[in-house]
């Protein structure tokens, strides 16, 4: 639980560049979450939970965007996250 809180705090820091956040996510956070993945038999529920976790971390890394039409802040959609991350 403490690791999750520290992960959220780190990813939410504005002073750290996005490239560095992504690099740390790929090299530290993702391997810890997927440790032993090769030996798991994942039901659909667990796959969904992993996808939700990944999207929540990426949303914190890429931060909300201002909508050009309304001027309001909004969360990024999953497709936008995948485009930005890949």
N, C-alpha and C. Protein backbone atom coordinates (compact mmCIF):
# COMPACT_ATOMS: atom_id res chain seq x y z
N UNK A 1 0.82 -1.19 0.00
CA UNK A 1 0.00 0.00 0.00
C UNK A 1 0.87 1.26 0.00
N UNK A 2 1.93 1.23 0.77
CA UNK A 2 2.82 2.38 0.84
C UNK A 2 3.49 2.64 -0.51
N UNK A 3 3.82 1.57 -1.22
CA UNK A 3 4.44 1.72 -2.54
C UNK A 3 3.49 2.38 -3.52
N UNK A 4 2.21 2.05 -3.44
CA UNK A 4 1.22 2.66 -4.33
C UNK A 4 1.09 4.15 -4.05
N UNK A 5 1.09 4.52 -2.78
CA UNK A 5 1.00 5.93 -2.41
C UNK A 5 2.22 6.69 -2.90
N UNK A 6 3.40 6.12 -2.73
CA UNK A 6 4.61 6.78 -3.20
C UNK A 6 4.63 6.89 -4.72
N UNK A 7 4.12 5.87 -5.38
CA UNK A 7 4.04 5.91 -6.85
C UNK A 7 3.15 7.06 -7.29
N UNK A 8 2.00 7.22 -6.65
CA UNK A 8 1.09 8.31 -6.99
C UNK A 8 1.72 9.67 -6.74
N UNK A 9 2.42 9.80 -5.62
CA UNK A 9 3.07 11.07 -5.31
C UNK A 9 4.13 11.39 -6.35
N UNK A 10 4.95 10.40 -6.70
CA UNK A 10 6.01 10.62 -7.69
C UNK A 10 5.44 11.02 -9.03
N UNK A 11 4.46 10.28 -9.50
CA UNK A 11 3.91 10.51 -10.84
C UNK A 11 3.17 11.84 -10.90
N UNK A 12 2.68 12.33 -9.76
CA UNK A 12 1.93 13.59 -9.74
C UNK A 12 2.82 14.82 -9.63
N UNK A 13 4.12 14.65 -9.46
CA UNK A 13 5.03 15.79 -9.34
C UNK A 13 5.10 16.56 -10.65
N UNK A 14 4.91 17.88 -10.58
CA UNK A 14 4.96 18.71 -11.78
C UNK A 14 6.39 19.05 -12.17
N UNK A 15 7.32 19.02 -11.23
CA UNK A 15 8.70 19.43 -11.50
C UNK A 15 9.47 18.38 -12.31
N UNK A 16 8.97 17.16 -12.36
CA UNK A 16 9.66 16.08 -13.07
C UNK A 16 9.14 16.01 -14.50
N UNK A 17 10.05 15.88 -15.45
CA UNK A 17 9.67 15.83 -16.86
C UNK A 17 8.91 14.55 -17.19
N UNK A 18 8.03 14.65 -18.17
CA UNK A 18 7.22 13.50 -18.58
C UNK A 18 8.07 12.35 -19.09
N UNK A 19 9.13 12.66 -19.84
CA UNK A 19 9.99 11.60 -20.36
C UNK A 19 10.61 10.79 -19.23
N UNK A 20 11.03 11.47 -18.17
CA UNK A 20 11.61 10.78 -17.02
C UNK A 20 10.56 9.95 -16.30
N UNK A 21 9.36 10.48 -16.15
CA UNK A 21 8.27 9.73 -15.51
C UNK A 21 7.97 8.45 -16.29
N UNK A 22 7.91 8.56 -17.62
CA UNK A 22 7.63 7.38 -18.45
C UNK A 22 8.75 6.36 -18.34
N UNK A 23 9.98 6.84 -18.34
CA UNK A 23 11.12 5.93 -18.24
C UNK A 23 11.10 5.19 -16.90
N UNK A 24 10.81 5.88 -15.83
CA UNK A 24 10.73 5.24 -14.51
C UNK A 24 9.54 4.29 -14.46
N UNK A 25 8.42 4.67 -15.06
CA UNK A 25 7.26 3.79 -15.11
C UNK A 25 7.61 2.48 -15.82
N UNK A 26 8.29 2.58 -16.96
CA UNK A 26 8.63 1.38 -17.74
C UNK A 26 9.68 0.52 -17.05
N UNK A 27 10.64 1.13 -16.36
CA UNK A 27 11.76 0.37 -15.81
C UNK A 27 11.56 -0.09 -14.38
N UNK A 28 10.73 0.61 -13.61
CA UNK A 28 10.57 0.25 -12.19
C UNK A 28 9.14 -0.19 -11.86
N UNK A 29 8.18 0.66 -12.14
CA UNK A 29 6.81 0.41 -11.70
C UNK A 29 6.19 -0.78 -12.42
N UNK A 30 6.25 -0.79 -13.74
CA UNK A 30 5.64 -1.86 -14.52
C UNK A 30 6.24 -3.23 -14.22
N UNK A 31 7.57 -3.38 -14.14
CA UNK A 31 8.11 -4.71 -13.79
C UNK A 31 7.69 -5.19 -12.40
N UNK A 32 7.55 -4.27 -11.45
CA UNK A 32 7.12 -4.67 -10.11
C UNK A 32 5.68 -5.17 -10.15
N UNK A 33 4.83 -4.47 -10.88
CA UNK A 33 3.43 -4.87 -10.98
C UNK A 33 3.29 -6.20 -11.71
N UNK A 34 4.11 -6.41 -12.73
CA UNK A 34 3.99 -7.62 -13.55
C UNK A 34 4.95 -8.73 -13.14
N UNK A 35 5.51 -8.65 -11.96
CA UNK A 35 6.46 -9.67 -11.50
C UNK A 35 5.82 -11.05 -11.55
N UNK A 36 6.44 -11.98 -12.22
CA UNK A 36 5.93 -13.35 -12.33
C UNK A 36 4.77 -13.49 -13.31
N UNK A 37 4.57 -12.52 -14.16
CA UNK A 37 3.45 -12.52 -15.10
C UNK A 37 3.43 -13.76 -15.98
N UNK A 38 4.59 -14.28 -16.32
CA UNK A 38 4.65 -15.44 -17.20
C UNK A 38 3.99 -16.67 -16.58
N UNK A 39 3.95 -16.74 -15.27
CA UNK A 39 3.40 -17.91 -14.60
C UNK A 39 1.94 -17.74 -14.20
N UNK A 40 1.36 -16.57 -14.41
CA UNK A 40 -0.02 -16.33 -14.02
C UNK A 40 -0.98 -16.89 -15.05
N UNK A 41 -2.13 -17.29 -14.58
CA UNK A 41 -3.25 -17.54 -15.48
C UNK A 41 -4.27 -16.45 -15.15
N UNK A 42 -4.32 -15.45 -15.99
CA UNK A 42 -5.14 -14.27 -15.71
C UNK A 42 -6.56 -14.41 -16.21
N UNK A 43 -7.52 -14.30 -15.32
CA UNK A 43 -8.91 -14.20 -15.79
C UNK A 43 -9.14 -12.79 -16.36
N UNK A 44 -10.22 -12.62 -17.04
CA UNK A 44 -10.54 -11.33 -17.67
C UNK A 44 -10.61 -10.21 -16.63
N UNK A 45 -11.09 -10.52 -15.45
CA UNK A 45 -11.21 -9.50 -14.40
C UNK A 45 -9.84 -8.93 -14.04
N UNK A 46 -8.85 -9.80 -13.91
CA UNK A 46 -7.51 -9.35 -13.56
C UNK A 46 -6.86 -8.57 -14.71
N UNK A 47 -7.10 -8.99 -15.93
CA UNK A 47 -6.58 -8.24 -17.08
C UNK A 47 -7.16 -6.83 -17.10
N UNK A 48 -8.43 -6.75 -16.80
CA UNK A 48 -9.11 -5.45 -16.76
C UNK A 48 -8.51 -4.58 -15.66
N UNK A 49 -8.24 -5.17 -14.51
CA UNK A 49 -7.66 -4.41 -13.40
C UNK A 49 -6.26 -3.90 -13.74
N UNK A 50 -5.47 -4.70 -14.43
CA UNK A 50 -4.15 -4.25 -14.85
C UNK A 50 -4.26 -3.10 -15.86
N UNK A 51 -5.22 -3.19 -16.75
CA UNK A 51 -5.43 -2.13 -17.72
C UNK A 51 -5.87 -0.84 -17.04
N UNK A 52 -6.74 -0.95 -16.06
CA UNK A 52 -7.20 0.22 -15.31
C UNK A 52 -6.04 0.86 -14.55
N UNK A 53 -5.20 0.03 -13.94
CA UNK A 53 -4.03 0.55 -13.22
C UNK A 53 -3.10 1.30 -14.18
N UNK A 54 -2.82 0.71 -15.33
CA UNK A 54 -1.93 1.35 -16.29
C UNK A 54 -2.50 2.68 -16.76
N UNK A 55 -3.79 2.71 -17.07
CA UNK A 55 -4.40 3.96 -17.52
C UNK A 55 -4.41 5.02 -16.43
N UNK A 56 -4.60 4.63 -15.18
CA UNK A 56 -4.60 5.62 -14.10
C UNK A 56 -3.21 6.22 -13.91
N UNK A 57 -2.16 5.39 -14.02
CA UNK A 57 -0.80 5.91 -13.91
C UNK A 57 -0.50 6.84 -15.08
N UNK A 58 -0.88 6.44 -16.28
CA UNK A 58 -0.63 7.27 -17.45
C UNK A 58 -1.41 8.58 -17.40
N UNK A 59 -2.61 8.57 -16.85
CA UNK A 59 -3.38 9.81 -16.70
C UNK A 59 -2.67 10.77 -15.76
N UNK A 60 -2.06 10.24 -14.72
CA UNK A 60 -1.31 11.11 -13.81
C UNK A 60 -0.04 11.64 -14.46
N UNK A 61 0.59 10.83 -15.29
CA UNK A 61 1.81 11.28 -15.97
C UNK A 61 1.50 12.38 -16.98
N UNK A 62 0.49 12.17 -17.82
CA UNK A 62 0.20 13.10 -18.89
C UNK A 62 -0.70 14.26 -18.47
N UNK A 63 -1.24 14.23 -17.27
CA UNK A 63 -2.02 15.33 -16.69
C UNK A 63 -3.28 15.63 -17.50
N UNK A 64 -4.25 16.27 -16.89
CA UNK A 64 -5.47 16.62 -17.63
C UNK A 64 -5.20 17.68 -18.70
N UNK A 65 -6.05 17.70 -19.68
CA UNK A 65 -5.93 18.67 -20.78
C UNK A 65 -7.11 19.61 -20.76
N UNK A 66 -6.88 20.83 -21.24
CA UNK A 66 -7.96 21.81 -21.35
C UNK A 66 -8.70 21.58 -22.66
N UNK A 67 -10.01 21.45 -22.56
CA UNK A 67 -10.85 21.26 -23.74
C UNK A 67 -10.88 22.56 -24.53
N UNK A 68 -10.61 22.48 -25.82
CA UNK A 68 -10.52 23.68 -26.65
C UNK A 68 -11.88 24.32 -26.89
N UNK A 69 -12.93 23.54 -26.88
CA UNK A 69 -14.27 24.07 -27.15
C UNK A 69 -14.84 24.76 -25.92
N UNK A 70 -14.86 24.06 -24.79
CA UNK A 70 -15.49 24.60 -23.58
C UNK A 70 -14.51 25.31 -22.67
N UNK A 71 -13.21 25.03 -22.80
CA UNK A 71 -12.23 25.65 -21.93
C UNK A 71 -12.11 24.98 -20.57
N UNK A 72 -12.81 23.88 -20.35
CA UNK A 72 -12.78 23.16 -19.08
C UNK A 72 -11.70 22.09 -19.11
N UNK A 73 -11.22 21.73 -17.93
CA UNK A 73 -10.24 20.66 -17.81
C UNK A 73 -10.95 19.33 -17.93
N UNK A 74 -10.30 18.37 -18.59
CA UNK A 74 -10.90 17.05 -18.75
C UNK A 74 -9.81 15.99 -18.66
N UNK A 75 -10.23 14.78 -18.30
CA UNK A 75 -9.32 13.64 -18.30
C UNK A 75 -9.10 13.18 -19.73
N UNK A 76 -7.95 12.58 -19.96
CA UNK A 76 -7.65 12.04 -21.28
C UNK A 76 -8.40 10.72 -21.48
N UNK A 77 -8.86 10.49 -22.68
CA UNK A 77 -9.52 9.23 -23.02
C UNK A 77 -8.47 8.15 -23.21
N UNK A 78 -8.89 6.90 -23.13
CA UNK A 78 -7.95 5.78 -23.24
C UNK A 78 -7.20 5.79 -24.57
N UNK A 79 -7.88 6.13 -25.65
CA UNK A 79 -7.22 6.17 -26.96
C UNK A 79 -6.13 7.24 -26.99
N UNK A 80 -6.41 8.40 -26.39
CA UNK A 80 -5.42 9.46 -26.34
C UNK A 80 -4.20 9.03 -25.51
N UNK A 81 -4.46 8.34 -24.40
CA UNK A 81 -3.36 7.86 -23.57
C UNK A 81 -2.48 6.88 -24.34
N UNK A 82 -3.11 5.96 -25.05
CA UNK A 82 -2.35 4.97 -25.82
C UNK A 82 -1.53 5.64 -26.92
N UNK A 83 -2.10 6.64 -27.58
CA UNK A 83 -1.36 7.36 -28.61
C UNK A 83 -0.16 8.09 -28.03
N UNK A 84 -0.35 8.75 -26.90
CA UNK A 84 0.73 9.51 -26.28
C UNK A 84 1.81 8.60 -25.71
N UNK A 85 1.40 7.46 -25.16
CA UNK A 85 2.36 6.55 -24.53
C UNK A 85 3.16 5.77 -25.56
N UNK A 86 2.50 5.35 -26.63
CA UNK A 86 3.22 4.57 -27.65
C UNK A 86 4.00 5.49 -28.53
